[in-house]
Amino acid sequence: MSRMDAGAALVAASLVLPSDAANASQVQAGSPRTGFIELDETDDRTIGVWEHTPGVSTDVESDEVFVVVAGSGTLEFTEPPLPPVELRPGVIVRLTEGMRTVWAVRETLRKVYVA
């Protein structure tokens, strides 16, 4: 399924994303909201834009590569234990299936991902 036409251009930081309160069981601080849209999807991969408003939440990750396009925060890895990554526009991160993470977002964070 494809939601973005071939040859089309979008500004990822300007897209309007639907958002919901982060799952209460994952929230560690604040009242973060998350949202996403899928831009393209095949049987093998999904490309999308995801956003997390200020606050702290945990997650169990999918196999993914992403680039931050707006905002700032820190991504901590609890399993496996790895050094934290400072997130800011231009930073590219690789996640693997099952990683346990903590997203501490200072400024609304937006990323483009391939999963």
Protein backbone atom coordinates (compact mmCIF):
# COMPACT_ATOMS: atom_id res chain seq x y z
CA MET A 1 0.00 0.00 0.00
CA SER A 2 1.38 3.44 -0.88
CA ARG A 3 0.22 6.78 0.51
CA MET A 4 2.76 8.98 -1.26
CA ASP A 5 2.87 9.27 -5.03
CA ALA A 6 6.15 8.63 -6.85
CA GLY A 7 7.89 11.92 -7.54
CA ALA A 8 5.96 13.72 -4.80
CA ALA A 9 7.77 15.87 -2.23
CA LEU A 10 6.75 16.53 1.36
CA VAL A 11 8.31 18.55 4.17
CA ALA A 12 8.45 16.05 7.04
CA ALA A 13 8.67 18.73 9.73
CA SER A 14 5.49 20.42 8.43
CA LEU A 15 3.19 17.42 8.09
CA VAL A 16 0.12 17.36 10.33
CA LEU A 17 0.15 14.13 12.32
CA PRO A 18 -2.73 12.66 14.30
CA SER A 19 -1.71 12.18 17.93
CA ASP A 20 -2.86 10.31 21.01
CA ALA A 21 -1.74 10.28 24.62
CA ALA A 22 1.15 7.88 25.04
CA ASN A 23 0.16 4.57 26.64
CA ALA A 24 -0.04 5.27 30.39
CA SER A 25 1.91 2.10 31.20
CA GLN A 26 4.85 3.45 29.17
CA VAL A 27 4.89 7.04 30.51
CA GLN A 28 7.62 7.81 33.05
CA ALA A 29 7.25 11.61 33.19
CA GLY A 30 5.02 14.32 31.78
CA SER A 31 2.06 13.77 29.48
CA PRO A 32 3.64 12.90 26.14
CA ARG A 33 1.60 12.38 23.00
CA THR A 34 2.70 10.32 20.03
CA GLY A 35 1.53 10.16 16.47
CA PHE A 36 2.56 8.88 13.08
CA ILE A 37 1.62 8.55 9.45
CA GLU A 38 2.78 5.92 7.04
CA LEU A 39 4.03 7.31 3.75
CA ASP A 40 4.65 4.01 2.00
CA GLU A 41 4.29 0.35 2.88
CA THR A 42 5.20 -2.95 1.24
CA ASP A 43 5.30 -6.51 2.58
CA ASP A 44 8.94 -5.95 3.58
CA ARG A 45 9.09 -2.42 4.97
CA THR A 46 7.26 0.71 6.05
CA ILE A 47 8.34 4.34 5.64
CA GLY A 48 6.71 6.89 7.89
CA VAL A 49 6.91 9.98 10.05
CA TRP A 50 6.59 9.68 13.86
CA GLU A 51 6.36 12.32 16.58
CA HIS A 52 6.68 12.40 20.40
CA THR A 53 5.86 15.53 22.41
CA PRO A 54 7.86 16.51 25.53
CA GLY A 55 7.91 13.89 28.25
CA VAL A 56 9.50 10.53 28.98
CA SER A 57 8.21 7.16 27.81
CA THR A 58 9.49 3.63 27.31
CA ASP A 59 9.19 1.40 24.27
CA VAL A 60 10.09 -2.00 22.86
CA GLU A 61 11.46 -1.32 19.40
CA SER A 62 10.99 -2.74 15.94
CA ASP A 63 13.78 -3.23 13.44
CA GLU A 64 14.18 0.32 12.11
CA VAL A 65 16.46 3.11 10.91
CA PHE A 66 15.39 6.70 11.48
CA VAL A 67 16.60 10.25 10.98
CA VAL A 68 15.53 13.05 13.31
CA VAL A 69 14.06 16.00 11.40
CA ALA A 70 12.95 18.22 14.31
CA GLY A 71 13.17 18.52 18.09
CA SER A 72 15.56 17.22 20.73
CA GLY A 73 15.82 14.55 23.36
CA THR A 74 17.83 11.63 24.62
CA LEU A 75 17.34 7.99 23.64
CA GLU A 76 18.48 5.60 26.34
CA PHE A 77 18.93 1.87 25.78
CA THR A 78 17.98 -0.33 28.73
CA GLU A 79 18.20 -3.67 26.88
CA PRO A 80 20.75 -4.17 25.61
CA PRO A 81 22.52 -1.59 27.73
CA LEU A 82 24.19 0.85 25.33
CA PRO A 83 25.37 4.47 25.59
CA PRO A 84 22.53 7.02 25.22
CA VAL A 85 22.11 8.94 21.97
CA GLU A 86 21.44 12.68 21.91
CA LEU A 87 18.67 13.27 19.39
CA ARG A 88 18.62 16.42 17.25
CA PRO A 89 17.92 17.15 13.58
CA GLY A 90 20.20 15.15 11.29
CA VAL A 91 20.96 12.32 13.72
CA ILE A 92 20.46 8.84 12.25
CA VAL A 93 19.81 5.88 14.56
CA ARG A 94 19.55 2.12 13.97
CA LEU A 95 17.23 0.10 16.22
CA THR A 96 16.75 -3.66 16.28
CA GLU A 97 13.71 -5.75 17.11
CA GLY A 98 13.19 -6.12 20.85
CA MET A 99 15.45 -3.30 22.06
CA ARG A 100 14.06 -1.66 25.19
CA THR A 101 14.38 2.10 25.14
CA VAL A 102 13.54 5.25 27.09
CA TRP A 103 12.65 8.35 25.08
CA ALA A 104 13.31 11.54 27.09
CA VAL A 105 11.99 14.28 24.81
CA ARG A 106 12.75 17.95 25.57
CA GLU A 107 11.36 19.53 22.38
CA THR A 108 8.72 17.78 20.25
CA LEU A 109 10.69 15.14 18.37
CA ARG A 110 9.90 14.14 14.80
CA LYS A 111 11.62 11.41 12.85
CA VAL A 112 11.34 9.81 9.43
CA TYR A 113 11.70 6.05 9.75
CA VAL A 114 12.14 2.96 7.62
CA ALA A 115 11.03 -0.20 9.44
